[in-house]
C-alpha atoms as a PDB file:
ATOM      1  CA  MET A   1     154.200 -51.305 -66.930  1.00  0.00           C
ATOM      2  CA  ARG A   2     156.949 -52.384 -69.366  1.00  0.00           C
ATOM      3  CA  ARG A   3     154.979 -51.081 -72.378  1.00  0.00           C
ATOM      4  CA  ASP A   4     155.685 -54.450 -73.970  1.00  0.00           C
ATOM      5  CA  ARG A   5     154.537 -54.509 -77.614  1.00  0.00           C
ATOM      6  CA  ARG A   6     154.125 -58.280 -77.465  1.00  0.00           C
ATOM      7  CA  TRP A   7     150.953 -57.748 -75.453  1.00  0.00           C
ATOM      8  CA  ASP A   8     149.378 -55.409 -78.001  1.00  0.00           C
ATOM      9  CA  GLY A   9     146.231 -56.993 -79.367  1.00  0.00           C
ATOM     10  CA  ARG A  10     145.985 -59.410 -76.427  1.00  0.00           C
ATOM     11  CA  VAL A  11     144.684 -57.101 -73.697  1.00  0.00           C
ATOM     12  CA  ILE A  12     143.262 -53.589 -73.366  1.00  0.00           C
ATOM     13  CA  GLY A  13     143.904 -51.265 -70.421  1.00  0.00           C
ATOM     14  CA  ALA A  14     141.136 -48.759 -69.670  1.00  0.00           C
ATOM     15  CA  VAL A  15     141.637 -45.746 -67.390  1.00  0.00           C
ATOM     16  CA  LYS A  16     138.617 -44.891 -65.244  1.00  0.00           C
ATOM     17  CA  THR A  17     139.629 -41.267 -64.619  1.00  0.00           C
ATOM     18  CA  THR A  18     139.993 -40.380 -68.315  1.00  0.00           C
ATOM     19  CA  GLY A  19     137.490 -42.768 -69.877  1.00  0.00           C
ATOM     20  CA  ILE A  20     140.117 -43.855 -72.423  1.00  0.00           C
ATOM     21  CA  TYR A  21     141.378 -47.334 -73.331  1.00  0.00           C
ATOM     22  CA  CYS A  22     144.877 -48.039 -74.665  1.00  0.00           C
ATOM     23  CA  LYS A  23     147.087 -50.836 -75.888  1.00  0.00           C
ATOM     24  CA  PRO A  24     149.851 -51.950 -73.490  1.00  0.00           C
ATOM     25  CA  SER A  25     152.655 -50.202 -75.408  1.00  0.00           C
ATOM     26  CA  CYS A  26     150.964 -46.781 -75.309  1.00  0.00           C
ATOM     27  CA  PRO A  27     153.615 -44.111 -74.548  1.00  0.00           C
ATOM     28  CA  ALA A  28     151.195 -42.025 -72.464  1.00  0.00           C
ATOM     29  CA  LYS A  29     151.926 -41.398 -68.783  1.00  0.00           C
ATOM     30  CA  ARG A  30     151.230 -44.490 -66.671  1.00  0.00           C
ATOM     31  CA  PRO A  31     147.993 -44.186 -64.668  1.00  0.00           C
ATOM     32  CA  LYS A  32     147.607 -45.396 -61.104  1.00  0.00           C
ATOM     33  CA  ARG A  33     146.887 -49.117 -60.957  1.00  0.00           C
ATOM     34  CA  ASP A  34     143.680 -48.547 -58.968  1.00  0.00           C
ATOM     35  CA  ASN A  35     142.330 -46.483 -61.854  1.00  0.00           C
ATOM     36  CA  VAL A  36     142.859 -49.211 -64.473  1.00  0.00           C
ATOM     37  CA  GLU A  37     140.627 -52.094 -65.508  1.00  0.00           C
ATOM     38  CA  PHE A  38     141.317 -54.586 -68.261  1.00  0.00           C
ATOM     39  CA  PHE A  39     139.374 -55.952 -71.214  1.00  0.00           C
ATOM     40  CA  ALA A  40     140.112 -58.582 -73.818  1.00  0.00           C
ATOM     41  CA  THR A  41     139.121 -56.359 -76.734  1.00  0.00           C
ATOM     42  CA  GLY A  42     138.464 -52.759 -77.642  1.00  0.00           C
ATOM     43  CA  GLU A  43     134.854 -53.714 -78.335  1.00  0.00           C
ATOM     44  CA  GLU A  44     134.404 -54.777 -74.712  1.00  0.00           C
ATOM     45  CA  ALA A  45     135.998 -51.531 -73.523  1.00  0.00           C
ATOM     46  CA  ARG A  46     133.662 -49.458 -75.699  1.00  0.00           C
ATOM     47  CA  ALA A  47     130.665 -51.394 -74.393  1.00  0.00           C
ATOM     48  CA  ALA A  48     131.765 -50.409 -70.886  1.00  0.00           C
ATOM     49  CA  GLY A  49     131.716 -46.742 -71.879  1.00  0.00           C
ATOM     50  CA  TYR A  50     135.362 -46.092 -72.766  1.00  0.00           C
ATOM     51  CA  ARG A  51     136.671 -44.426 -75.921  1.00  0.00           C
ATOM     52  CA  SER A  52     139.766 -45.281 -77.940  1.00  0.00           C
ATOM     53  CA  CYS A  53     143.076 -43.524 -77.289  1.00  0.00           C
ATOM     54  CA  MET A  54     143.902 -41.149 -80.149  1.00  0.00           C
ATOM     55  CA  ARG A  55     147.620 -41.496 -79.447  1.00  0.00           C
ATOM     56  CA  CYS A  56     148.229 -45.261 -79.561  1.00  0.00           C
ATOM     57  CA  LYS A  57     145.117 -46.180 -81.619  1.00  0.00           C
ATOM     58  CA  PRO A  58     144.561 -49.585 -79.982  1.00  0.00           C
ATOM     59  CA  ASP A  59     141.873 -50.680 -82.432  1.00  0.00           C
ATOM     60  CA  GLU A  60     144.426 -50.763 -85.239  1.00  0.00           C
ATOM     61  CA  VAL A  61     146.434 -53.577 -83.618  1.00  0.00           C
ATOM     62  CA  GLY A  62     143.871 -56.235 -84.488  1.00  0.00           C
ATOM     63  CA  ARG A  63     143.612 -54.802 -87.969  1.00  0.00           C
ATOM     64  CA  ASP A  64     147.403 -54.960 -88.362  1.00  0.00           C
ATOM     65  CA  ARG A  65     147.532 -58.625 -87.404  1.00  0.00           C
ATOM     66  CA  GLU A  66     144.646 -59.491 -89.697  1.00  0.00           C
ATOM     67  CA  ALA A  67     146.496 -57.768 -92.537  1.00  0.00           C
ATOM     68  CA  VAL A  68     149.717 -59.674 -91.802  1.00  0.00           C
ATOM     69  CA  ALA A  69     147.843 -62.975 -91.610  1.00  0.00           C
ATOM     70  CA  LYS A  70     146.146 -62.265 -94.944  1.00  0.00           C
ATOM     71  CA  ALA A  71     149.474 -61.307 -96.517  1.00  0.00           C
ATOM     72  CA  VAL A  72     151.077 -64.540 -95.307  1.00  0.00           C
ATOM     73  CA  LYS A  73     148.322 -66.534 -97.006  1.00  0.00           C
ATOM     74  CA  LEU A  74     148.817 -64.549-100.217  1.00  0.00           C
ATOM     75  CA  ILE A  75     152.587 -65.110-100.125  1.00  0.00           C
ATOM     76  CA  GLU A  76     152.213 -68.821 -99.454  1.00  0.00           C
ATOM     77  CA  ALA A  77     149.728 -69.189-102.319  1.00  0.00           C
ATOM     78  CA  ALA A  78     151.804 -67.181-104.804  1.00  0.00           C
ATOM     79  CA  GLU A  79     153.886 -68.840-107.494  1.00  0.00           C
ATOM     80  CA  ASP A  80     156.176 -65.815-107.775  1.00  0.00           C
ATOM     81  CA  ALA A  81     157.417 -63.335-105.166  1.00  0.00           C
ATOM     82  CA  PRO A  82     154.611 -60.821-104.531  1.00  0.00           C
ATOM     83  CA  ASN A  83     155.464 -57.179-105.126  1.00  0.00           C
ATOM     84  CA  LEU A  84     155.372 -55.161-101.861  1.00  0.00           C
ATOM     85  CA  ALA A  85     153.146 -52.477-103.358  1.00  0.00           C
ATOM     86  CA  GLU A  86     150.684 -55.052-104.682  1.00  0.00           C
ATOM     87  CA  LEU A  87     150.701 -56.936-101.379  1.00  0.00           C
ATOM     88  CA  ALA A  88     150.079 -53.731 -99.421  1.00  0.00           C
ATOM     89  CA  THR A  89     147.223 -52.803-101.750  1.00  0.00           C
ATOM     90  CA  GLU A  90     145.602 -56.192-101.163  1.00  0.00           C
ATOM     91  CA  VAL A  91     145.504 -55.541 -97.404  1.00  0.00           C
ATOM     92  CA  SER A  92     144.721 -51.795 -97.746  1.00  0.00           C
ATOM     93  CA  TYR A  93     147.948 -50.406 -96.290  1.00  0.00           C
ATOM     94  CA  ALA A  94     150.630 -48.026 -97.543  1.00  0.00           C
ATOM     95  CA  PRO A  95     153.675 -50.082 -98.651  1.00  0.00           C
ATOM     96  CA  HIS A  96     156.218 -48.546 -96.250  1.00  0.00           C
ATOM     97  CA  HIS A  97     153.850 -48.895 -93.280  1.00  0.00           C
ATOM     98  CA  PHE A  98     152.917 -52.465 -94.127  1.00  0.00           C
ATOM     99  CA  GLN A  99     156.585 -53.417 -94.515  1.00  0.00           C
ATOM    100  CA  ARG A 100     157.171 -52.132 -90.980  1.00  0.00           C
ATOM    101  CA  ILE A 101     154.266 -53.940 -89.289  1.00  0.00           C
ATOM    102  CA  PHE A 102     154.987 -57.201 -91.171  1.00  0.00           C
ATOM    103  CA  LYS A 103     158.596 -57.183 -89.979  1.00  0.00           C
ATOM    104  CA  ARG A 104     157.511 -56.172 -86.475  1.00  0.00           C
ATOM    105  CA  ASP A 105     155.151 -59.143 -86.228  1.00  0.00           C
ATOM    106  CA  LEU A 106     157.155 -61.857 -88.032  1.00  0.00           C
ATOM    107  CA  GLY A 107     160.734 -60.678 -87.657  1.00  0.00           C
ATOM    108  CA  VAL A 108     161.317 -60.665 -91.429  1.00  0.00           C
ATOM    109  CA  SER A 109     160.122 -58.535 -94.348  1.00  0.00           C
ATOM    110  CA  PRO A 110     157.536 -59.899 -96.823  1.00  0.00           C
ATOM    111  CA  ALA A 111     160.398 -60.506 -99.263  1.00  0.00           C
ATOM    112  CA  GLY A 112     162.389 -62.288 -96.556  1.00  0.00           C
ATOM    113  CA  TYR A 113     159.382 -64.439 -95.706  1.00  0.00           C
ATOM    114  CA  TRP A 114     159.038 -65.383 -99.382  1.00  0.00           C
ATOM    115  CA  ARG A 115     162.728 -66.254 -99.642  1.00  0.00           C
ATOM    116  CA  GLY A 116     162.498 -68.419 -96.528  1.00  0.00           C
ATOM    117  CA  LEU A 117     159.411 -70.166 -97.860  1.00  0.00           C
ATOM    118  CA  ARG A 118     161.017 -70.740-101.257  1.00  0.00           C
ATOM    119  CA  ALA A 119     164.215 -72.081 -99.688  1.00  0.00           C
ATOM    120  CA  LYS A 120     162.183 -74.469 -97.522  1.00  0.00           C
ATOM    121  CA  ARG A 121     160.344 -75.711-100.602  1.00  0.00           C
ATOM    122  CA  ALA A 122     163.664 -76.182-102.357  1.00  0.00           C
ATOM    123  CA  ALA A 123     165.075 -78.148 -99.432  1.00  0.00           C
ATOM    124  CA  ASP A 124     161.992 -80.357 -99.358  1.00  0.00           C
ATOM    125  CA  ALA A 125     162.088 -80.882-103.124  1.00  0.00           C
ATOM    126  CA  LEU A 126     165.811 -81.689-103.072  1.00  0.00           C
ATOM    127  CA  GLY A 127     165.083 -84.386-100.548  1.00  0.00           C
ATOM    128  CA  GLU A 128     162.467 -85.996-102.801  1.00  0.00           C
ATOM    129  CA  THR A 129     164.108 -85.974-106.215  1.00  0.00           C
ATOM    130  CA  GLU A 130     167.463 -86.780-107.772  1.00  0.00           C
ATOM    131  CA  GLN A 131     167.097 -83.929-110.260  1.00  0.00           C
ATOM    132  CA  VAL A 132     168.454 -80.688-108.808  1.00  0.00           C
ATOM    133  CA  THR A 133     167.182 -78.539-111.677  1.00  0.00           C
ATOM    134  CA  GLU A 134     163.705 -80.026-111.380  1.00  0.00           C
ATOM    135  CA  ALA A 135     163.657 -79.249-107.648  1.00  0.00           C
ATOM    136  CA  ILE A 136     164.826 -75.682-108.276  1.00  0.00           C
ATOM    137  CA  TYR A 137     161.948 -74.882-110.653  1.00  0.00           C
ATOM    138  CA  GLU A 138     159.442 -76.753-108.494  1.00  0.00           C
ATOM    139  CA  ALA A 139     160.366 -74.554-105.537  1.00  0.00           C
ATOM    140  CA  GLY A 140     159.541 -71.404-107.495  1.00  0.00           C
ATOM    141  CA  TYR A 141     162.973 -70.189-108.604  1.00  0.00           C
ATOM    142  CA  SER A 142     163.254 -68.614-112.045  1.00  0.00           C
ATOM    143  CA  GLY A 143     166.344 -70.683-112.776  1.00  0.00           C
ATOM    144  CA  PRO A 144     169.422 -72.400-111.331  1.00  0.00           C
ATOM    145  CA  SER A 145     171.517 -69.206-111.144  1.00  0.00           C
ATOM    146  CA  ARG A 146     168.974 -67.502-108.896  1.00  0.00           C
ATOM    147  CA  PHE A 147     168.747 -70.560-106.669  1.00  0.00           C
ATOM    148  CA  TYR A 148     172.515 -70.913-106.349  1.00  0.00           C
ATOM    149  CA  ALA A 149     172.808 -67.243-105.379  1.00  0.00           C
ATOM    150  CA  ASP A 150     170.066 -67.683-102.799  1.00  0.00           C
ATOM    151  CA  ALA A 151     171.465 -70.968-101.554  1.00  0.00           C
ATOM    152  CA  LYS A 152     174.819 -69.389-100.819  1.00  0.00           C
ATOM    153  CA  GLU A 153     173.162 -67.073 -98.295  1.00  0.00           C
ATOM    154  CA  ARG A 154     170.361 -69.240 -96.928  1.00  0.00           C
ATOM    155  CA  LEU A 155     171.188 -72.904 -97.129  1.00  0.00           C
ATOM    156  CA  GLY A 156     174.882 -72.632 -96.321  1.00  0.00           C
ATOM    157  CA  MET A 157     175.578 -75.696 -98.509  1.00  0.00           C
ATOM    158  CA  THR A 158     175.366 -76.486-102.200  1.00  0.00           C
ATOM    159  CA  PRO A 159     172.047 -77.964-103.408  1.00  0.00           C
ATOM    160  CA  CYS A 160     173.542 -81.441-103.691  1.00  0.00           C
ATOM    161  CA  ALA A 161     175.069 -81.159-100.228  1.00  0.00           C
ATOM    162  CA  TRP A 162     171.699 -80.144 -98.802  1.00  0.00           C
ATOM    163  CA  ARG A 163     169.979 -83.056-100.484  1.00  0.00           C
ATOM    164  CA  ASP A 164     172.751 -85.524 -99.646  1.00  0.00           C
ATOM    165  CA  GLY A 165     173.163 -84.826 -95.950  1.00  0.00           C
ATOM    166  CA  GLY A 166     176.069 -82.411 -96.182  1.00  0.00           C
ATOM    167  CA  ARG A 167     177.986 -84.075 -99.014  1.00  0.00           C
ATOM    168  CA  GLY A 168     180.962 -81.913 -99.918  1.00  0.00           C
ATOM    169  CA  GLU A 169     180.770 -79.846 -96.729  1.00  0.00           C
ATOM    170  CA  THR A 170     183.563 -79.887 -94.136  1.00  0.00           C
ATOM    171  CA  ILE A 171     182.473 -79.649 -90.514  1.00  0.00           C
ATOM    172  CA  ARG A 172     185.050 -79.270 -87.771  1.00  0.00           C
ATOM    173  CA  TRP A 173     184.028 -80.424 -84.329  1.00  0.00           C
ATOM    174  CA  THR A 174     185.075 -81.127 -80.779  1.00  0.00           C
ATOM    175  CA  VAL A 175     183.538 -81.908 -77.381  1.00  0.00           C
ATOM    176  CA  VAL A 176     184.617 -79.546 -74.629  1.00  0.00           C
ATOM    177  CA  ASP A 177     184.089 -79.590 -70.888  1.00  0.00           C
ATOM    178  CA  SER A 178     181.922 -76.827 -69.455  1.00  0.00           C
ATOM    179  CA  ILE A 179     180.482 -76.130 -66.027  1.00  0.00           C
ATOM    180  CA  LEU A 180     177.259 -77.652 -67.389  1.00  0.00           C
ATOM    181  CA  GLY A 181     178.880 -80.814 -68.734  1.00  0.00           C
ATOM    182  CA  PRO A 182     180.154 -82.053 -72.120  1.00  0.00           C
ATOM    183  CA  LEU A 183     179.381 -79.667 -74.961  1.00  0.00           C
ATOM    184  CA  LEU A 184     179.531 -80.505 -78.663  1.00  0.00           C
ATOM    185  CA  VAL A 185     180.801 -77.599 -80.768  1.00  0.00           C
ATOM    186  CA  ALA A 186     180.675 -78.014 -84.559  1.00  0.00           C
ATOM    187  CA  THR A 187     181.448 -75.387 -87.200  1.00  0.00           C
ATOM    188  CA  THR A 188     181.311 -74.829 -90.932  1.00  0.00           C
ATOM    189  CA  SER A 189     183.329 -72.162 -92.710  1.00  0.00           C
ATOM    190  CA  LYS A 190     180.502 -69.726 -91.894  1.00  0.00           C
ATOM    191  CA  GLY A 191     180.062 -70.331 -88.189  1.00  0.00           C
ATOM    192  CA  ILE A 192     178.789 -72.635 -85.468  1.00  0.00           C
ATOM    193  CA  CYS A 193     176.295 -75.103 -86.935  1.00  0.00           C
ATOM    194  CA  ARG A 194     175.683 -77.236 -83.848  1.00  0.00           C
ATOM    195  CA  LEU A 195     176.104 -76.513 -80.133  1.00  0.00           C
ATOM    196  CA  THR A 196     174.481 -79.109 -77.907  1.00  0.00           C
ATOM    197  CA  PHE A 197     174.928 -80.878 -74.585  1.00  0.00           C
ATOM    198  CA  ASP A 198     175.700 -84.585 -74.185  1.00  0.00           C
ATOM    199  CA  GLU A 199     176.273 -85.181 -77.899  1.00  0.00           C
ATOM    200  CA  GLY A 200     179.291 -86.307 -79.862  1.00  0.00           C
ATOM    201  CA  GLU A 201     180.324 -87.287 -83.351  1.00  0.00           C
ATOM    202  CA  GLU A 202     177.366 -89.660 -83.671  1.00  0.00           C
ATOM    203  CA  ALA A 203     174.985 -86.666 -83.608  1.00  0.00           C
ATOM    204  CA  LEU A 204     176.853 -85.030 -86.471  1.00  0.00           C
ATOM    205  CA  VAL A 205     176.773 -88.270 -88.448  1.00  0.00           C
ATOM    206  CA  ARG A 206     173.006 -88.346 -87.926  1.00  0.00           C
ATOM    207  CA  HIS A 207     172.421 -84.733 -88.985  1.00  0.00           C
ATOM    208  CA  PHE A 208     175.155 -84.517 -91.644  1.00  0.00           C
ATOM    209  CA  PRO A 209     175.689 -88.145 -92.712  1.00  0.00           C
ATOM    210  CA  ASN A 210     177.656 -87.330 -95.844  1.00  0.00           C
ATOM    211  CA  ALA A 211     179.677 -84.343 -94.664  1.00  0.00           C
ATOM    212  CA  THR A 212     183.402 -84.594 -94.029  1.00  0.00           C
ATOM    213  CA  LEU A 213     183.780 -84.513 -90.260  1.00  0.00           C
ATOM    214  CA  VAL A 214     187.148 -83.260 -89.062  1.00  0.00           C
ATOM    215  CA  PRO A 215     188.177 -83.238 -85.368  1.00  0.00           C
ATOM    216  CA  ASP A 216     189.391 -79.852 -84.178  1.00  0.00           C
ATOM    217  CA  ASP A 217     193.085 -79.220 -84.790  1.00  0.00           C
ATOM    218  CA  GLY A 218     193.229 -76.099 -82.640  1.00  0.00           C
ATOM    219  CA  SER A 219     191.724 -73.769 -85.239  1.00  0.00           C
ATOM    220  CA  MET A 220     188.447 -73.573 -83.277  1.00  0.00           C
ATOM    221  CA  ALA A 221     190.100 -72.108 -80.174  1.00  0.00           C
ATOM    222  CA  ASN A 222     188.542 -68.641 -80.441  1.00  0.00           C
ATOM    223  CA  LEU A 223     185.058 -70.002 -81.062  1.00  0.00           C
ATOM    224  CA  ILE A 224     185.383 -72.441 -78.173  1.00  0.00           C
ATOM    225  CA  SER A 225     186.524 -69.731 -75.748  1.00  0.00           C
ATOM    226  CA  GLY A 226     183.575 -67.589 -76.862  1.00  0.00           C
ATOM    227  CA  VAL A 227     181.136 -70.433 -76.257  1.00  0.00           C
ATOM    228  CA  ILE A 228     182.542 -71.065 -72.781  1.00  0.00           C
ATOM    229  CA  ALA A 229     182.309 -67.347 -72.010  1.00  0.00           C
ATOM    230  CA  ALA A 230     178.647 -67.361 -73.049  1.00  0.00           C
ATOM    231  CA  ILE A 231     178.034 -69.913 -70.294  1.00  0.00           C
ATOM    232  CA  ASP A 232     180.469 -68.742 -67.605  1.00  0.00           C
ATOM    233  CA  HIS A 233     180.299 -64.959 -68.104  1.00  0.00           C
ATOM    234  CA  PRO A 234     177.261 -64.232 -70.296  1.00  0.00           C
ATOM    235  CA  GLN A 235     177.523 -60.470 -69.817  1.00  0.00           C
ATOM    236  CA  ASP A 236     180.979 -60.493 -71.453  1.00  0.00           C
ATOM    237  CA  ALA A 237     180.320 -63.084 -74.159  1.00  0.00           C
ATOM    238  CA  PRO A 238     181.444 -62.058 -77.673  1.00  0.00           C
ATOM    239  CA  GLU A 239     179.216 -62.110 -80.727  1.00  0.00           C
ATOM    240  CA  LEU A 240     179.804 -65.481 -82.366  1.00  0.00           C
ATOM    241  CA  PRO A 241     178.967 -66.391 -85.985  1.00  0.00           C
ATOM    242  CA  ILE A 242     176.365 -69.113 -86.404  1.00  0.00           C
ATOM    243  CA  ASP A 243     175.383 -71.111 -89.485  1.00  0.00           C
ATOM    244  CA  VAL A 244     171.884 -72.481 -88.969  1.00  0.00           C
ATOM    245  CA  ARG A 245     168.842 -72.622 -91.204  1.00  0.00           C
ATOM    246  CA  GLY A 246     165.214 -73.507 -90.591  1.00  0.00           C
ATOM    247  CA  THR A 247     161.736 -72.841 -91.865  1.00  0.00           C
ATOM    248  CA  ALA A 248     160.527 -69.242 -91.981  1.00  0.00           C
ATOM    249  CA  PHE A 249     158.589 -69.869 -88.761  1.00  0.00           C
ATOM    250  CA  GLN A 250     161.584 -71.429 -86.983  1.00  0.00           C
ATOM    251  CA  GLU A 251     163.836 -68.567 -88.016  1.00  0.00           C
ATOM    252  CA  ALA A 252     161.263 -66.014 -86.822  1.00  0.00           C
ATOM    253  CA  VAL A 253     161.107 -67.790 -83.443  1.00  0.00           C
ATOM    254  CA  TRP A 254     164.895 -68.044 -83.153  1.00  0.00           C
ATOM    255  CA  SER A 255     165.173 -64.361 -84.039  1.00  0.00           C
ATOM    256  CA  GLU A 256     162.783 -63.479 -81.193  1.00  0.00           C
ATOM    257  CA  LEU A 257     164.749 -65.662 -78.786  1.00  0.00           C
ATOM    258  CA  ARG A 258     167.882 -63.660 -79.513  1.00  0.00           C
ATOM    259  CA  LYS A 259     166.006 -60.465 -78.615  1.00  0.00           C
ATOM    260  CA  ILE A 260     165.263 -61.617 -75.047  1.00  0.00           C
ATOM    261  CA  PRO A 261     167.527 -59.527 -72.787  1.00  0.00           C
ATOM    262  CA  LEU A 262     170.063 -61.220 -70.548  1.00  0.00           C
ATOM    263  CA  GLY A 263     168.481 -62.046 -67.193  1.00  0.00           C
ATOM    264  CA  GLU A 264     164.909 -61.977 -68.509  1.00  0.00           C
ATOM    265  CA  THR A 265     162.483 -64.661 -69.681  1.00  0.00           C
ATOM    266  CA  ARG A 266     159.484 -64.831 -71.982  1.00  0.00           C
ATOM    267  CA  SER A 267     156.648 -67.330 -72.113  1.00  0.00           C
ATOM    268  CA  TYR A 268     155.938 -69.564 -75.077  1.00  0.00           C
ATOM    269  CA  ALA A 269     152.766 -67.497 -75.537  1.00  0.00           C
ATOM    270  CA  ASP A 270     154.829 -64.283 -75.604  1.00  0.00           C
ATOM    271  CA  ILE A 271     157.011 -65.635 -78.404  1.00  0.00           C
ATOM    272  CA  ALA A 272     153.994 -66.903 -80.338  1.00  0.00           C
ATOM    273  CA  ALA A 273     152.443 -63.435 -80.144  1.00  0.00           C
ATOM    274  CA  ALA A 274     155.727 -61.768 -81.084  1.00  0.00           C
ATOM    275  CA  VAL A 275     155.965 -63.746 -84.341  1.00  0.00           C
ATOM    276  CA  GLY A 276     152.354 -62.941 -85.167  1.00  0.00           C
ATOM    277  CA  GLN A 277     150.968 -66.409 -84.445  1.00  0.00           C
ATOM    278  CA  PRO A 278     149.343 -66.145 -80.979  1.00  0.00           C
ATOM    279  CA  ASN A 279     147.685 -69.559 -81.313  1.00  0.00           C
ATOM    280  CA  ALA A 280     150.929 -71.306 -82.237  1.00  0.00           C
ATOM    281  CA  VAL A 281     152.199 -71.835 -78.681  1.00  0.00           C
ATOM    282  CA  ARG A 282     152.819 -75.541 -79.255  1.00  0.00           C
ATOM    283  CA  ALA A 283     154.624 -74.801 -82.520  1.00  0.00           C
ATOM    284  CA  VAL A 284     156.872 -72.346 -80.680  1.00  0.00           C
ATOM    285  CA  GLY A 285     157.771 -75.138 -78.273  1.00  0.00           C
ATOM    286  CA  THR A 286     158.651 -77.363 -81.218  1.00  0.00           C
ATOM    287  CA  ALA A 287     160.778 -74.619 -82.803  1.00  0.00           C
ATOM    288  CA  ASN A 288     162.549 -74.183 -79.474  1.00  0.00           C
ATOM    289  CA  GLY A 289     163.261 -77.892 -79.345  1.00  0.00           C
ATOM    290  CA  SER A 290     164.643 -77.745 -82.906  1.00  0.00           C
ATOM    291  CA  ASN A 291     167.178 -75.055 -82.019  1.00  0.00           C
ATOM    292  CA  PRO A 292     170.579 -76.546 -82.996  1.00  0.00           C
ATOM    293  CA  VAL A 293     172.653 -73.881 -81.241  1.00  0.00           C
ATOM    294  CA  ALA A 294     172.061 -73.893 -77.486  1.00  0.00           C
ATOM    295  CA  VAL A 295     172.899 -70.812 -75.397  1.00  0.00           C
ATOM    296  CA  LEU A 296     173.753 -68.637 -78.428  1.00  0.00           C
ATOM    297  CA  VAL A 297     170.114 -68.849 -79.500  1.00  0.00           C
ATOM    298  CA  PRO A 298     168.797 -68.695 -75.912  1.00  0.00           C
ATOM    299  CA  CYS A 299     165.828 -71.054 -75.962  1.00  0.00           C
ATOM    300  CA  HIS A 300     166.473 -71.566 -72.229  1.00  0.00           C
ATOM    301  CA  ARG A 301     164.954 -68.107 -71.646  1.00  0.00           C
ATOM    302  CA  VAL A 302     161.495 -69.329 -72.675  1.00  0.00           C
ATOM    303  CA  ILE A 303     159.279 -70.676 -69.894  1.00  0.00           C
ATOM    304  CA  ARG A 304     155.629 -71.518 -69.396  1.00  0.00           C
ATOM    305  CA  SER A 305     153.032 -68.850 -68.653  1.00  0.00           C
ATOM    306  CA  ASP A 306     152.620 -70.183 -65.109  1.00  0.00           C
ATOM    307  CA  GLY A 307     156.309 -69.591 -64.399  1.00  0.00           C
ATOM    308  CA  SER A 308     157.386 -73.238 -64.555  1.00  0.00           C
ATOM    309  CA  LEU A 309     160.408 -74.054 -66.700  1.00  0.00           C
ATOM    310  CA  GLY A 310     158.747 -76.084 -69.454  1.00  0.00           C
ATOM    311  CA  GLY A 311     161.114 -78.216 -71.507  1.00  0.00           C
ATOM    312  CA  TYR A 312     164.760 -78.013 -72.549  1.00  0.00           C
ATOM    313  CA  ALA A 313     166.776 -80.305 -74.797  1.00  0.00           C
ATOM    314  CA  GLY A 314     169.749 -80.063 -72.455  1.00  0.00           C
ATOM    315  CA  GLY A 315     167.700 -80.987 -69.391  1.00  0.00           C
ATOM    316  CA  LEU A 316     165.834 -78.820 -66.891  1.00  0.00           C
ATOM    317  CA  ASP A 317     168.738 -78.750 -64.434  1.00  0.00           C
ATOM    318  CA  ARG A 318     170.919 -77.030 -67.049  1.00  0.00           C
ATOM    319  CA  LYS A 319     168.103 -74.659 -67.976  1.00  0.00           C
ATOM    320  CA  ARG A 320     167.684 -73.659 -64.332  1.00  0.00           C
ATOM    321  CA  LYS A 321     171.434 -73.095 -63.896  1.00  0.00           C
ATOM    322  CA  LEU A 322     171.661 -70.970 -67.045  1.00  0.00           C
ATOM    323  CA  LEU A 323     168.749 -68.784 -65.938  1.00  0.00           C
ATOM    324  CA  ASP A 324     170.027 -68.450 -62.381  1.00  0.00           C
ATOM    325  CA  ALA A 325     173.501 -67.457 -63.602  1.00  0.00           C
ATOM    326  CA  GLU A 326     172.072 -64.827 -65.946  1.00  0.00           C
ATOM    327  CA  LYS A 327     169.829 -63.351 -63.245  1.00  0.00           C
ATOM    328  CA  GLU A 328     172.757 -63.172 -60.808  1.00  0.00           C
ATOM    329  CA  THR A 329     174.838 -61.461 -63.495  1.00  0.00           C
ATOM    330  CA  THR A 330     172.276 -58.758 -64.203  1.00  0.00           C
ATOM    331  CA  GLN A 331     171.471 -58.262 -60.531  1.00  0.00           C
ATOM    332  CA  GLY A 332     175.158 -57.819 -59.788  1.00  0.00           C
ATOM    333  CA  ALA A 333     175.405 -55.197 -62.506  1.00  0.00           C
ATOM    334  CA  LEU A 334     172.422 -53.332 -61.036  1.00  0.00           C
ATOM    335  CA  ASP A 335     173.959 -53.429 -57.564  1.00  0.00           C
ATOM    336  CA  LEU A 336     177.118 -51.824 -58.941  1.00  0.00           C
END
């Protein structure tokens, strides 16, 4: 009924009165529920005597996902960034169309996926060697200048700082009281890098052991008020800058989390499907648990398929309160 694209490729709706089967996001007029039966695949629907919808072309969904999966393997096996045209040719799609379906499924373009993969390799290599230049070439960069330009946007720290646990980076921090309990707020010059419950300076020492940690001197006031608003009055919360980095998969998951509307939830399976990895439900849970910025990246809006809450780093009681507050907020807006 929602025409939710995340269900495309996972179920087929067939209309008895027209003899046509469609994908869930089909824009056609909604049929009566009594006239609809469901199948797992288009093949099953055809075996039951239905024909494919010419408008939404449901059989292409599976083909799209196979193409994206093949492209991911090609990107991960490549030593250099694959050209979009060449990548599209390999999976038999037009470049502009393939760019669109790749970004729809993974949340990033093929080039963005490559950059994320390369940055992850660089981070791993920097953690294993003392030679920055060696790590840069090993990760697939053409040279130090390209890596430093990339690092400025993706890593948020210099290569040595990344390797050395934040060495040379200044992180301002404080613990504030909220209606959900003590909240650690830590920021770099780019934005909030950690927002977690029941943590203090020791957590920052663990995650950024060599960074310069500076207690807030009042300069974080606007960010702190924005964070509190996100909890107390989520409908009025401002857009706050964040400075977090993860693997390409983690960033795709976190991107999907930020798309979940206020007052709504998604299942772990929904998010896995949305990032183009329907079998990676457990990995989605792990990515949720790795989210360093609670509330702003709303991992609390992800629940189990059976409706139970699942897990939450801040505790299930906080997760329940956050969800209840958001539902009350949206319901109040509807009542108005």
